Amino acid sequence: MEASFQLFLILLAVLAGTALLARRVDVAPAILLLLAGIALAFVPGMPSPELPPELILLLVLPPLIYSAAVAMSWREFKFNLRPIILLAVGCVIFTAFAVAAATHYLIGLPWNVGFLLGAIVAPPDVVAPLAVARKLGIPRRIMVVLEGEGLANDATALILYRFAVAAIATGLFSLPKAIGEFSAIVVGEALFGIAVGWLSLHARHWARDSQIEITLSLITPYVAYWLPEHVGGSGVIATVACGLYVSWNGPLLISAMTRLQGIFFWNLVIYLIEGLLFLLTGFQMRLLYERSKSFPLDDILIAIAIVTVMIVIARFAWTFPAIYVPRMIERIRRCDPAPPWQWAFVLSFTGVRGAVSLAAALALPYALPDGSAFPYRDLILFVAFGVIFITLVGFGLGLAPVVRWLGVARAGRNERFAELESEINARREALDVALKSLESITESRDLSEDVIRLLRARHETRSNQLPNSLDPDAQLLSAAGTDLTHELIEAERQFIHDLLRDGKITDEARRHIERDLDLEEASLANREFRCDVP
């Protein structure tokens, strides 16, 4: 127990240090965390933790999927549903069959084992690519498609995975039956996830207590995931549907205090989960190295190379037709013009595999129902880790140069400029509505002049904080005002601290004042209208 606790503290320390290093060298934290995990795994005397598959699939996966779904815009998800489904369902199935064919004809794996391996390595992980893509400022639609694909592709892969494991264990497989079960799982889980989202939101609205509401929000993804997974589904689709329902309907049912606290809470939870996942994934290298001694190294390297090349080819071969073939239909082309080929290339290039693939490989049973060893289990595990390592490091480091070479970031900056302008206009229009509401209130209610003057001063202050434009001079002026405001807040905070030390105010009073300063500082960060104009 003590050794496990010490290892946990070591992992947290490495997580924080690696994140700082990643920011300094401008590399996706997931890459350095994986490398740090591999390095730690071979430190003499370092415990070698097993990565329990049930911990990943049952305890870790639900909050990751749910938080991503809540952060996703339902309107944008619905608008991009065609490319998301084509990638999350079509590309995963296509990749699984491509890997099965390649491993069957090139290294002699049985079809069912090759398909199982394909299902494991088919779903891309979006954590590392999105971390890089956000810094590069690529177009929002690419981001939405990648996030949407990341939400749904795990469901497709895990359903295929269950079918493949059952086929190997029983020796039986029926394509019509599999298609029927797949359809039933998708529809049933979507309806169940919406029901859980509705119940969660109304329970939180009824509770009206931030701590209870956040606790209920933490329970929600597990409720949405566990029951479908327990009865033979994937649980992922239900969790995605639940998160999207909460994202679309939550703003009017969740209180402001809960929303502020919930954002900080969920950001920390997801940061720790993702970081520890990649560290523990790296730790598996030691276990794989020990097992590889009884396995021909050449066979492992050849299998990893074949599968890696195949998943890359399959993603490129699927993505370009998936984007441009539907637009051969005039109705689709008129409503949704084709993007430049550079966008399709970036979508194709973000085929990084992550911890879900490794968890699925680790979850394979050791033996079949008849007592015989599960065929090729160790080889599948080796290949899964090798594919994760190569794609995460290779594509993770290569994405930034590729995006700059293709010039995709320029379109993203133009889009960001337009988005900021629309945001400022929306803020101004909202303030105009508030001003009209204030005038209506003053006419219908008997309010003192002091109260009216205070409300008008608040309105004018908020209006003056909005920049007149986003040209470089206005941005510099806005940045200077923001920096000076930070200095004034810091001076006020120091003065309040001195009053506390001199015994002129209590700790409770200091916390109240400090909370207002913290909220004002956070509001400043939220209103930094800065844009790199090309």
Protein backbone atom coordinates (compact mmCIF):
# COMPACT_ATOMS: atom_id res chain seq x y z
CA MET A 1 0.00 0.00 0.00
CA GLU A 2 2.80 2.41 0.94
CA ALA A 3 4.67 1.62 -2.30
CA SER A 4 1.54 2.32 -4.33
CA PHE A 5 1.05 5.65 -2.59
CA GLN A 6 4.69 6.61 -3.20
CA LEU A 7 4.31 5.70 -6.87
CA PHE A 8 1.17 7.83 -7.07
CA LEU A 9 3.04 10.84 -5.65
CA ILE A 10 5.92 10.24 -8.08
CA LEU A 11 3.50 10.13 -11.00
CA LEU A 12 1.84 13.39 -9.92
CA ALA A 13 5.24 15.09 -9.60
CA VAL A 14 6.34 13.82 -13.02
CA LEU A 15 3.00 14.90 -14.48
CA ALA A 16 3.44 18.47 -13.25
CA GLY A 17 7.11 18.66 -14.26
CA THR A 18 6.50 17.19 -17.69
CA ALA A 19 3.62 19.58 -18.32
CA LEU A 20 5.88 22.53 -17.50
CA LEU A 21 8.60 21.17 -19.80
CA ALA A 22 6.07 20.64 -22.60
CA ARG A 23 5.02 24.28 -22.34
CA ARG A 24 8.65 25.40 -22.49
CA VAL A 25 9.57 23.33 -25.55
CA ASP A 26 6.13 23.79 -27.19
CA VAL A 27 5.38 20.06 -27.54
CA ALA A 28 2.10 18.29 -26.84
CA PRO A 29 2.23 17.12 -23.18
CA ALA A 30 0.95 13.66 -24.15
CA ILE A 31 4.14 12.95 -26.10
CA LEU A 32 6.48 13.87 -23.26
CA LEU A 33 4.29 12.04 -20.73
CA LEU A 34 4.49 8.84 -22.77
CA LEU A 35 8.28 9.17 -23.04
CA ALA A 36 8.54 9.97 -19.32
CA GLY A 37 6.48 6.88 -18.49
CA ILE A 38 8.79 4.71 -20.60
CA ALA A 39 11.86 6.19 -18.89
CA LEU A 40 10.38 5.69 -15.42
CA ALA A 41 9.48 2.09 -16.22
CA PHE A 42 13.18 1.16 -16.50
CA VAL A 43 14.37 3.01 -13.38
CA PRO A 44 15.87 0.39 -11.01
CA GLY A 45 13.58 -0.34 -8.10
CA MET A 46 10.63 1.48 -9.62
CA PRO A 47 7.37 -0.48 -9.13
CA SER A 48 5.79 -1.64 -12.37
CA PRO A 49 2.07 -0.97 -12.10
CA GLU A 50 -0.28 -3.04 -14.18
CA LEU A 51 -2.79 -0.98 -16.15
CA PRO A 52 -6.11 -2.65 -15.27
CA PRO A 53 -8.30 -2.60 -18.40
CA GLU A 54 -11.47 -2.32 -16.35
CA LEU A 55 -10.06 0.84 -14.75
CA ILE A 56 -9.65 2.43 -18.18
CA LEU A 57 -12.88 1.27 -19.74
CA LEU A 58 -15.12 1.69 -16.70
CA LEU A 59 -13.61 4.36 -14.44
CA VAL A 60 -11.53 6.53 -16.76
CA LEU A 61 -13.27 6.48 -20.14
CA PRO A 62 -16.72 7.83 -19.04
CA PRO A 63 -15.55 11.20 -17.62
CA LEU A 64 -13.21 11.76 -20.59
CA ILE A 65 -15.98 11.16 -23.11
CA TYR A 66 -18.63 13.04 -21.11
CA SER A 67 -16.51 16.16 -20.59
CA ALA A 68 -15.63 16.27 -24.29
CA ALA A 69 -19.31 15.90 -25.21
CA VAL A 70 -20.37 18.68 -22.82
CA ALA A 71 -17.71 20.96 -24.31
CA MET A 72 -18.96 20.14 -27.82
CA SER A 73 -21.55 22.39 -29.44
CA TRP A 74 -24.63 20.35 -30.38
CA ARG A 75 -25.37 22.77 -33.21
CA GLU A 76 -21.89 22.32 -34.71
CA PHE A 77 -21.96 18.58 -34.06
CA LYS A 78 -25.28 18.27 -35.89
CA PHE A 79 -24.08 20.42 -38.80
CA ASN A 80 -20.96 18.24 -39.18
CA LEU A 81 -22.73 14.96 -38.52
CA ARG A 82 -22.03 13.57 -42.01
CA PRO A 83 -18.20 13.86 -41.88
CA ILE A 84 -18.17 12.83 -38.22
CA ILE A 85 -20.16 9.65 -38.89
CA LEU A 86 -18.14 8.86 -42.02
CA LEU A 87 -14.92 9.06 -39.99
CA ALA A 88 -16.10 7.69 -36.64
CA VAL A 89 -17.99 4.75 -38.12
CA GLY A 90 -16.93 4.31 -41.74
CA CYS A 91 -13.21 4.95 -41.32
CA VAL A 92 -12.96 2.77 -38.21
CA ILE A 93 -14.66 -0.18 -39.93
CA PHE A 94 -12.62 0.36 -43.11
CA THR A 95 -9.37 0.50 -41.10
CA ALA A 96 -10.25 -2.65 -39.16
CA PHE A 97 -10.85 -4.59 -42.40
CA ALA A 98 -7.69 -3.14 -43.99
CA VAL A 99 -5.55 -4.22 -41.02
CA ALA A 100 -7.19 -7.66 -41.05
CA ALA A 101 -6.41 -8.12 -44.76
CA ALA A 102 -2.82 -6.87 -44.45
CA THR A 103 -1.96 -9.01 -41.43
CA HIS A 104 -3.66 -12.06 -42.95
CA TYR A 105 -1.87 -11.95 -46.30
CA LEU A 106 1.50 -10.55 -45.15
CA ILE A 107 2.17 -12.25 -41.81
CA GLY A 108 -0.39 -15.05 -41.84
CA LEU A 109 -2.71 -14.06 -39.01
CA PRO A 110 -6.17 -15.67 -39.07
CA TRP A 111 -8.91 -13.35 -40.35
CA ASN A 112 -10.69 -13.14 -37.00
CA VAL A 113 -7.48 -12.29 -35.12
CA GLY A 114 -6.50 -9.72 -37.75
CA PHE A 115 -9.93 -8.11 -37.51
CA LEU A 116 -9.62 -8.00 -33.71
CA LEU A 117 -6.24 -6.28 -34.03
CA GLY A 118 -7.76 -3.86 -36.54
CA ALA A 119 -10.61 -3.01 -34.17
CA ILE A 120 -8.10 -2.28 -31.40
CA VAL A 121 -5.87 0.09 -33.41
CA ALA A 122 -8.60 1.62 -35.61
CA PRO A 123 -9.88 4.50 -33.40
CA PRO A 124 -7.65 7.60 -33.34
CA ASP A 125 -7.13 9.44 -30.07
CA VAL A 126 -7.65 13.21 -30.30
CA VAL A 127 -6.01 14.37 -27.06
CA ALA A 128 -2.52 15.03 -28.44
CA PRO A 129 -3.57 16.32 -31.91
CA LEU A 130 -6.11 18.74 -30.44
CA ALA A 131 -3.56 20.07 -27.95
CA VAL A 132 -1.30 20.95 -30.90
CA ALA A 133 -4.13 22.08 -33.19
CA ARG A 134 -5.51 24.59 -30.67
CA LYS A 135 -2.12 26.29 -30.41
CA LEU A 136 -1.79 26.43 -34.19
CA GLY A 137 -5.23 27.98 -34.62
CA ILE A 138 -6.45 25.67 -37.38
CA PRO A 139 -10.00 26.25 -38.72
CA ARG A 140 -12.75 25.56 -36.25
CA ARG A 141 -14.56 23.11 -38.51
CA ILE A 142 -11.53 20.80 -38.55
CA MET A 143 -11.47 20.98 -34.76
CA VAL A 144 -15.18 20.18 -34.52
CA VAL A 145 -14.88 17.19 -36.86
CA LEU A 146 -11.87 15.86 -34.94
CA GLU A 147 -13.60 16.29 -31.59
CA GLY A 148 -16.80 14.72 -32.89
CA GLU A 149 -14.88 11.81 -34.38
CA GLY A 150 -13.05 11.31 -31.10
CA LEU A 151 -16.37 11.13 -29.27
CA ALA A 152 -17.92 8.48 -31.49
CA ASN A 153 -15.07 6.36 -32.87
CA ASP A 154 -14.37 4.62 -29.55
CA ALA A 155 -17.94 3.33 -29.56
CA THR A 156 -17.58 1.85 -33.04
CA ALA A 157 -14.22 0.28 -32.22
CA LEU A 158 -15.35 -1.20 -28.91
CA ILE A 159 -18.46 -2.72 -30.50
CA LEU A 160 -16.31 -4.27 -33.26
CA TYR A 161 -13.88 -5.40 -30.57
CA ARG A 162 -16.62 -7.24 -28.66
CA PHE A 163 -17.85 -8.91 -31.85
CA ALA A 164 -14.32 -10.03 -32.74
CA VAL A 165 -13.55 -11.41 -29.27
CA ALA A 166 -16.87 -13.32 -29.28
CA ALA A 167 -16.15 -14.69 -32.77
CA ILE A 168 -12.71 -15.95 -31.68
CA ALA A 169 -14.08 -17.44 -28.47
CA THR A 170 -17.03 -19.24 -30.11
CA GLY A 171 -15.79 -19.63 -33.68
CA LEU A 172 -19.12 -18.24 -34.91
CA PHE A 173 -19.90 -14.93 -36.60
CA SER A 174 -23.03 -13.74 -38.42
CA LEU A 175 -22.77 -10.48 -40.35
CA PRO A 176 -26.57 -9.80 -40.45
CA LYS A 177 -26.81 -10.47 -36.73
CA ALA A 178 -23.83 -8.19 -36.05
CA ILE A 179 -25.38 -5.38 -38.12
CA GLY A 180 -28.69 -5.77 -36.27
CA GLU A 181 -26.99 -5.70 -32.87
CA PHE A 182 -24.90 -2.69 -33.89
CA SER A 183 -28.01 -0.74 -34.94
CA ALA A 184 -29.86 -1.69 -31.75
CA ILE A 185 -26.91 -0.62 -29.61
CA VAL A 186 -26.64 2.77 -31.35
CA VAL A 187 -30.35 3.60 -31.09
CA GLY A 188 -30.84 2.17 -27.60
CA GLU A 189 -27.78 3.86 -26.12
CA ALA A 190 -28.62 7.23 -27.69
CA LEU A 191 -32.10 7.19 -26.14
CA PHE A 192 -30.76 6.01 -22.78
CA GLY A 193 -28.06 8.71 -22.76
CA ILE A 194 -30.64 11.44 -23.45
CA ALA A 195 -32.80 10.12 -20.61
CA VAL A 196 -29.85 10.15 -18.19
CA GLY A 197 -28.95 13.69 -19.28
CA TRP A 198 -32.52 14.90 -18.71
CA LEU A 199 -32.67 13.24 -15.28
CA SER A 200 -29.27 14.63 -14.28
CA LEU A 201 -30.08 18.21 -15.27
CA HIS A 202 -33.41 18.24 -13.45
CA ALA A 203 -31.92 16.63 -10.35
CA ARG A 204 -29.18 19.26 -10.31
CA HIS A 205 -31.68 22.06 -10.88
CA TRP A 206 -33.79 20.74 -8.01
CA ALA A 207 -30.77 20.43 -5.67
CA ARG A 208 -29.64 24.08 -6.09
CA ASP A 209 -26.42 23.43 -4.19
CA SER A 210 -23.08 23.72 -6.00
CA GLN A 211 -21.38 20.86 -4.18
CA ILE A 212 -24.31 18.49 -4.70
CA GLU A 213 -24.67 19.54 -8.33
CA ILE A 214 -20.99 18.94 -9.09
CA THR A 215 -21.19 15.56 -7.35
CA LEU A 216 -24.20 14.68 -9.51
CA SER A 217 -22.29 15.83 -12.61
CA LEU A 218 -19.47 13.44 -11.69
CA ILE A 219 -21.91 10.55 -11.24
CA THR A 220 -23.73 11.25 -14.53
CA PRO A 221 -21.20 9.80 -17.01
CA TYR A 222 -20.85 6.60 -14.99
CA VAL A 223 -24.62 6.09 -14.91
CA ALA A 224 -24.81 6.71 -18.66
CA TYR A 225 -21.87 4.37 -19.37
CA TRP A 226 -22.25 1.52 -16.92
CA LEU A 227 -25.70 0.11 -17.64
CA PRO A 228 -25.32 -0.18 -21.47
CA GLU A 229 -21.82 -1.60 -21.01
CA HIS A 230 -23.12 -4.09 -18.45
CA VAL A 231 -25.80 -5.45 -20.80
CA GLY A 232 -23.40 -5.92 -23.72
CA GLY A 233 -23.21 -2.50 -25.41
CA SER A 234 -20.31 -0.10 -25.49
CA GLY A 235 -21.56 2.61 -23.11
CA VAL A 236 -19.75 5.23 -25.18
CA ILE A 237 -22.70 6.27 -27.35
CA ALA A 238 -24.92 6.71 -24.28
CA THR A 239 -22.26 8.85 -22.60
CA VAL A 240 -21.84 10.98 -25.72
CA ALA A 241 -25.60 11.47 -26.09
CA CYS A 242 -25.85 12.38 -22.40
CA GLY A 243 -23.05 14.94 -22.66
CA LEU A 244 -24.46 16.54 -25.81
CA TYR A 245 -27.91 16.81 -24.17
CA VAL A 246 -26.40 18.49 -21.10
CA SER A 247 -24.34 20.82 -23.32
CA TRP A 248 -27.42 22.02 -25.23
CA ASN A 249 -29.94 22.20 -22.35
CA GLY A 250 -27.74 22.89 -19.34
CA PRO A 251 -27.06 26.65 -19.58
CA LEU A 252 -30.58 27.60 -18.45
CA LEU A 253 -30.79 24.94 -15.70
CA ILE A 254 -27.31 25.15 -14.12
CA SER A 255 -26.61 28.05 -11.76
CA ALA A 256 -23.76 30.50 -12.36
CA MET A 257 -21.94 29.45 -9.16
CA THR A 258 -22.11 25.78 -10.10
CA ARG A 259 -20.94 26.50 -13.63
CA LEU A 260 -17.88 28.46 -12.41
CA GLN A 261 -16.89 25.84 -9.86
CA GLY A 262 -17.70 22.98 -12.22
CA ILE A 263 -15.41 24.31 -14.95
CA PHE A 264 -12.43 24.41 -12.58
CA PHE A 265 -13.31 20.99 -11.11
CA TRP A 266 -13.71 19.23 -14.47
CA ASN A 267 -10.62 20.87 -15.96
CA LEU A 268 -8.54 19.48 -13.09
CA VAL A 269 -10.14 16.03 -13.27
CA ILE A 270 -9.56 15.70 -17.01
CA TYR A 271 -6.02 17.08 -16.73
CA LEU A 272 -5.10 14.46 -14.10
CA ILE A 273 -6.85 11.59 -15.89
CA GLU A 274 -5.28 12.29 -19.28
CA GLY A 275 -1.83 12.88 -17.83
CA LEU A 276 -1.81 9.75 -15.68
CA LEU A 277 -3.16 7.72 -18.61
CA PHE A 278 -0.25 8.58 -20.86
CA LEU A 279 2.25 8.07 -18.04
CA LEU A 280 0.83 4.64 -17.22
CA THR A 281 0.73 3.78 -20.91
CA GLY A 282 4.47 4.42 -21.04
CA PHE A 283 4.91 2.25 -17.95
CA GLN A 284 3.60 -0.73 -19.91
CA MET A 285 6.84 -0.73 -21.92
CA ARG A 286 8.60 -2.58 -19.12
CA LEU A 287 5.95 -5.28 -19.02
CA LEU A 288 6.07 -5.64 -22.80
CA TYR A 289 9.86 -5.80 -22.78
CA GLU A 290 9.82 -8.64 -20.28
CA ARG A 291 7.28 -10.58 -22.33
CA SER A 292 9.08 -9.92 -25.62
CA LYS A 293 12.00 -12.12 -24.55
CA SER A 294 9.94 -15.17 -25.40
CA PHE A 295 8.77 -13.74 -28.73
CA PRO A 296 10.79 -13.26 -31.95
CA LEU A 297 11.77 -9.57 -32.15
CA ASP A 298 11.70 -9.54 -35.95
CA ASP A 299 8.10 -10.71 -35.97
CA ILE A 300 7.11 -7.95 -33.56
CA LEU A 301 8.83 -5.18 -35.54
CA ILE A 302 7.46 -6.40 -38.88
CA ALA A 303 3.91 -6.61 -37.49
CA ILE A 304 4.15 -3.11 -35.97
CA ALA A 305 5.49 -1.68 -39.23
CA ILE A 306 2.78 -3.32 -41.34
CA VAL A 307 -0.08 -2.26 -39.08
CA THR A 308 1.24 1.29 -38.72
CA VAL A 309 1.62 1.76 -42.46
CA MET A 310 -1.80 0.24 -43.07
CA ILE A 311 -3.70 2.48 -40.62
CA VAL A 312 -2.01 5.54 -42.14
CA ILE A 313 -2.87 4.48 -45.70
CA ALA A 314 -6.40 3.51 -44.71
CA ARG A 315 -7.11 6.90 -43.10
CA PHE A 316 -5.86 8.84 -46.13
CA ALA A 317 -7.67 6.48 -48.52
CA TRP A 318 -10.93 6.92 -46.65
CA THR A 319 -10.84 10.61 -45.66
CA PHE A 320 -10.44 12.21 -49.09
CA PRO A 321 -13.35 10.31 -50.72
CA ALA A 322 -15.46 10.79 -47.57
CA ILE A 323 -15.05 14.55 -47.91
CA TYR A 324 -15.37 15.01 -51.67
CA VAL A 325 -17.57 12.15 -52.96
CA PRO A 326 -20.75 13.27 -51.11
CA ARG A 327 -20.31 16.73 -52.62
CA MET A 328 -20.78 15.26 -56.07
CA ILE A 329 -24.47 15.54 -55.14
CA GLU A 330 -25.52 19.07 -56.09
CA ARG A 331 -27.78 19.58 -53.07
CA ILE A 332 -24.95 18.81 -50.64
CA ARG A 333 -22.42 20.80 -52.66
CA ARG A 334 -24.70 23.85 -52.71
CA CYS A 335 -25.37 23.78 -48.96
CA ASP A 336 -21.86 22.73 -47.95
CA PRO A 337 -19.12 23.62 -50.46
CA ALA A 338 -16.04 21.42 -50.55
CA PRO A 339 -13.12 22.54 -48.34
CA PRO A 340 -9.60 22.88 -49.79
CA TRP A 341 -7.56 19.71 -50.05
CA GLN A 342 -5.24 20.97 -47.32
CA TRP A 343 -8.05 20.57 -44.79
CA ALA A 344 -8.60 16.97 -45.85
CA PHE A 345 -4.86 16.33 -45.55
CA VAL A 346 -4.79 17.67 -41.97
CA LEU A 347 -7.77 15.48 -41.03
CA SER A 348 -5.99 12.48 -42.54
CA PHE A 349 -2.73 13.28 -40.77
CA THR A 350 -4.23 13.31 -37.26
CA GLY A 351 -4.38 9.53 -36.90
CA VAL A 352 -2.78 9.28 -33.46
CA ARG A 353 -3.65 6.21 -31.39
CA GLY A 354 -3.98 6.45 -27.62
CA ALA A 355 -4.69 4.75 -24.33
CA VAL A 356 -8.06 3.28 -25.37
CA SER A 357 -6.30 1.07 -27.93
CA LEU A 358 -3.86 -0.17 -25.30
CA ALA A 359 -6.66 -0.74 -22.78
CA ALA A 360 -8.60 -2.81 -25.30
CA ALA A 361 -5.49 -4.90 -25.98
CA LEU A 362 -4.87 -5.41 -22.26
CA ALA A 363 -8.52 -6.38 -21.75
CA LEU A 364 -8.16 -9.45 -23.97
CA PRO A 365 -8.81 -12.66 -22.02
CA TYR A 366 -5.85 -14.91 -21.33
CA ALA A 367 -7.75 -18.06 -22.26
CA LEU A 368 -10.66 -19.19 -24.42
CA PRO A 369 -13.74 -20.91 -22.91
CA ASP A 370 -12.22 -24.33 -23.71
CA GLY A 371 -9.13 -23.49 -21.63
CA SER A 372 -6.71 -22.95 -24.51
CA ALA A 373 -4.60 -19.77 -24.66
CA PHE A 374 -6.10 -16.79 -26.43
CA PRO A 375 -4.44 -16.78 -29.87
CA TYR A 376 -1.75 -14.16 -30.54
CA ARG A 377 -2.56 -12.20 -27.38
CA ASP A 378 1.00 -11.03 -26.72
CA LEU A 379 1.57 -10.08 -30.37
CA ILE A 380 -1.61 -7.97 -30.33
CA LEU A 381 -0.39 -6.24 -27.17
CA PHE A 382 3.05 -5.53 -28.68
CA VAL A 383 1.57 -4.16 -31.90
CA ALA A 384 -0.94 -1.95 -30.07
CA PHE A 385 1.80 -0.33 -27.97
CA GLY A 386 4.11 0.07 -30.97
CA VAL A 387 1.39 1.75 -33.03
CA ILE A 388 0.57 4.09 -30.14
CA PHE A 389 4.21 5.05 -29.70
CA ILE A 390 4.95 5.62 -33.40
CA THR A 391 1.78 7.57 -34.17
CA LEU A 392 1.83 9.65 -30.99
CA VAL A 393 5.45 10.70 -31.30
CA GLY A 394 5.61 10.83 -35.10
CA PHE A 395 2.28 12.47 -35.90
CA GLY A 396 2.24 14.50 -32.69
CA LEU A 397 5.57 16.13 -33.52
CA GLY A 398 4.86 16.32 -37.25
CA LEU A 399 1.44 17.98 -37.09
CA ALA A 400 2.72 21.51 -36.45
CA PRO A 401 5.19 21.54 -39.41
CA VAL A 402 2.54 20.00 -41.69
CA VAL A 403 -0.06 22.60 -40.73
CA ARG A 404 2.40 25.44 -41.30
CA TRP A 405 3.55 23.95 -44.61
CA LEU A 406 -0.02 23.65 -45.86
CA GLY A 407 -0.92 27.16 -44.72
CA VAL A 408 -4.02 25.94 -42.90
CA ALA A 409 -3.38 28.17 -39.89
CA ARG A 410 -3.91 31.29 -42.02
CA ALA A 411 -7.51 30.28 -42.65
CA GLY A 412 -7.87 29.62 -38.94
CA ARG A 413 -6.64 33.13 -38.07
CA ASN A 414 -9.10 34.69 -40.51
CA GLU A 415 -11.86 32.62 -38.96
CA ARG A 416 -10.78 33.61 -35.47
CA PHE A 417 -10.85 37.27 -36.48
CA ALA A 418 -14.45 36.96 -37.74
CA GLU A 419 -15.44 34.98 -34.65
CA LEU A 420 -14.07 37.65 -32.30
CA GLU A 421 -15.88 40.37 -34.21
CA SER A 422 -19.17 38.50 -33.93
CA GLU A 423 -18.50 37.93 -30.20
CA ILE A 424 -17.95 41.63 -29.59
CA ASN A 425 -21.10 42.48 -31.56
CA ALA A 426 -23.06 39.92 -29.54
CA ARG A 427 -21.76 41.44 -26.30
CA ARG A 428 -22.77 44.94 -27.44
CA GLU A 429 -26.23 43.77 -28.48
CA ALA A 430 -26.68 41.98 -25.15
CA LEU A 431 -25.72 45.18 -23.32
CA ASP A 432 -28.24 47.12 -25.42
CA VAL A 433 -30.95 44.64 -24.43
CA ALA A 434 -29.93 45.01 -20.77
CA LEU A 435 -30.06 48.81 -21.07
CA LYS A 436 -33.57 48.70 -22.55
CA SER A 437 -34.59 46.32 -19.76
CA LEU A 438 -33.16 48.78 -17.21
CA GLU A 439 -35.17 51.64 -18.73
CA SER A 440 -38.31 49.52 -18.60
CA ILE A 441 -37.65 48.61 -14.97
CA THR A 442 -37.07 52.22 -13.94
CA GLU A 443 -40.37 53.23 -15.53
CA SER A 444 -42.41 50.45 -13.92
CA ARG A 445 -40.84 50.42 -10.45
CA ASP A 446 -40.20 53.00 -7.81
CA LEU A 447 -36.40 52.93 -7.57
CA SER A 448 -34.11 55.45 -5.94
CA GLU A 449 -31.80 57.57 -8.04
CA ASP A 450 -28.77 56.02 -6.31
CA VAL A 451 -29.78 52.50 -7.40
CA ILE A 452 -30.44 53.64 -10.98
CA ARG A 453 -27.13 55.50 -11.09
CA LEU A 454 -25.30 52.41 -9.82
CA LEU A 455 -26.88 50.18 -12.47
CA ARG A 456 -26.12 52.68 -15.26
CA ALA A 457 -22.50 52.92 -14.09
CA ARG A 458 -22.22 49.13 -14.24
CA HIS A 459 -23.59 49.15 -17.78
CA GLU A 460 -21.22 51.91 -18.93
CA THR A 461 -18.22 50.17 -17.37
CA ARG A 462 -18.95 46.92 -19.17
CA SER A 463 -19.59 48.74 -22.44
CA ASN A 464 -16.31 50.66 -22.23
CA GLN A 465 -14.38 47.44 -21.73
CA LEU A 466 -15.25 46.30 -25.26
CA PRO A 467 -12.76 47.33 -27.96
CA ASN A 468 -14.02 49.45 -30.84
CA SER A 469 -12.28 47.22 -33.38
CA LEU A 470 -9.76 44.41 -33.73
CA ASP A 471 -7.15 46.31 -35.69
CA PRO A 472 -3.58 46.07 -34.32
CA ASP A 473 -3.65 49.51 -32.67
CA ALA A 474 -6.90 48.72 -30.86
CA GLN A 475 -5.49 45.37 -29.76
CA LEU A 476 -2.39 47.04 -28.32
CA LEU A 477 -4.57 49.56 -26.49
CA SER A 478 -6.80 46.81 -25.12
CA ALA A 479 -3.77 44.74 -24.06
CA ALA A 480 -2.23 47.76 -22.31
CA GLY A 481 -5.46 48.42 -20.43
CA THR A 482 -5.70 44.77 -19.42
CA ASP A 483 -2.11 44.71 -18.17
CA LEU A 484 -2.63 47.88 -16.13
CA THR A 485 -5.82 46.48 -14.64
CA HIS A 486 -3.90 43.39 -13.55
CA GLU A 487 -1.37 45.67 -11.82
CA LEU A 488 -4.16 47.57 -10.03
CA ILE A 489 -5.76 44.32 -8.88
CA GLU A 490 -2.39 43.10 -7.60
CA ALA A 491 -1.87 46.35 -5.67
CA GLU A 492 -5.33 46.01 -4.13
CA ARG A 493 -4.66 42.38 -3.25
CA GLN A 494 -1.35 43.30 -1.56
CA PHE A 495 -3.08 46.04 0.45
CA ILE A 496 -5.79 43.65 1.63
CA HIS A 497 -3.09 41.17 2.67
CA ASP A 498 -1.36 43.91 4.70
CA LEU A 499 -4.63 44.78 6.43
CA LEU A 500 -5.04 41.14 7.39
CA ARG A 501 -1.51 40.91 8.79
CA ASP A 502 -2.09 44.11 10.82
CA GLY A 503 -5.27 42.64 12.28
CA LYS A 504 -7.57 45.28 10.76
CA ILE A 505 -9.76 42.74 8.94
CA THR A 506 -10.62 39.10 9.55
CA ASP A 507 -9.70 36.13 7.35
CA GLU A 508 -13.36 35.82 6.38
CA ALA A 509 -13.44 39.42 5.15
CA ARG A 510 -10.17 38.92 3.28
CA ARG A 511 -11.58 35.84 1.52
CA HIS A 512 -14.70 37.74 0.44
CA ILE A 513 -12.66 40.61 -1.03
CA GLU A 514 -10.13 38.26 -2.59
CA ARG A 515 -12.91 36.27 -4.27
CA ASP A 516 -14.19 39.43 -5.96
CA LEU A 517 -10.66 40.24 -7.15
CA ASP A 518 -10.18 36.70 -8.43
CA LEU A 519 -13.45 36.82 -10.36
CA GLU A 520 -12.52 40.18 -11.86
CA GLU A 521 -9.12 38.85 -12.90
CA ALA A 522 -10.72 35.76 -14.42
CA SER A 523 -13.18 38.01 -16.24
CA LEU A 524 -10.28 39.99 -17.69
CA ALA A 525 -8.70 36.79 -19.03
CA ASN A 526 -12.06 35.82 -20.56
CA ARG A 527 -12.32 39.19 -22.34
CA GLU A 528 -8.86 39.33 -23.92
CA PHE A 529 -9.90 40.09 -27.49
CA ARG A 530 -6.56 39.37 -29.10
CA CYS A 531 -6.20 38.02 -32.60
CA ASP A 532 -3.16 37.56 -34.85
CA VAL A 533 -4.45 39.27 -37.94
CA PRO A 534 -2.76 37.91 -41.12
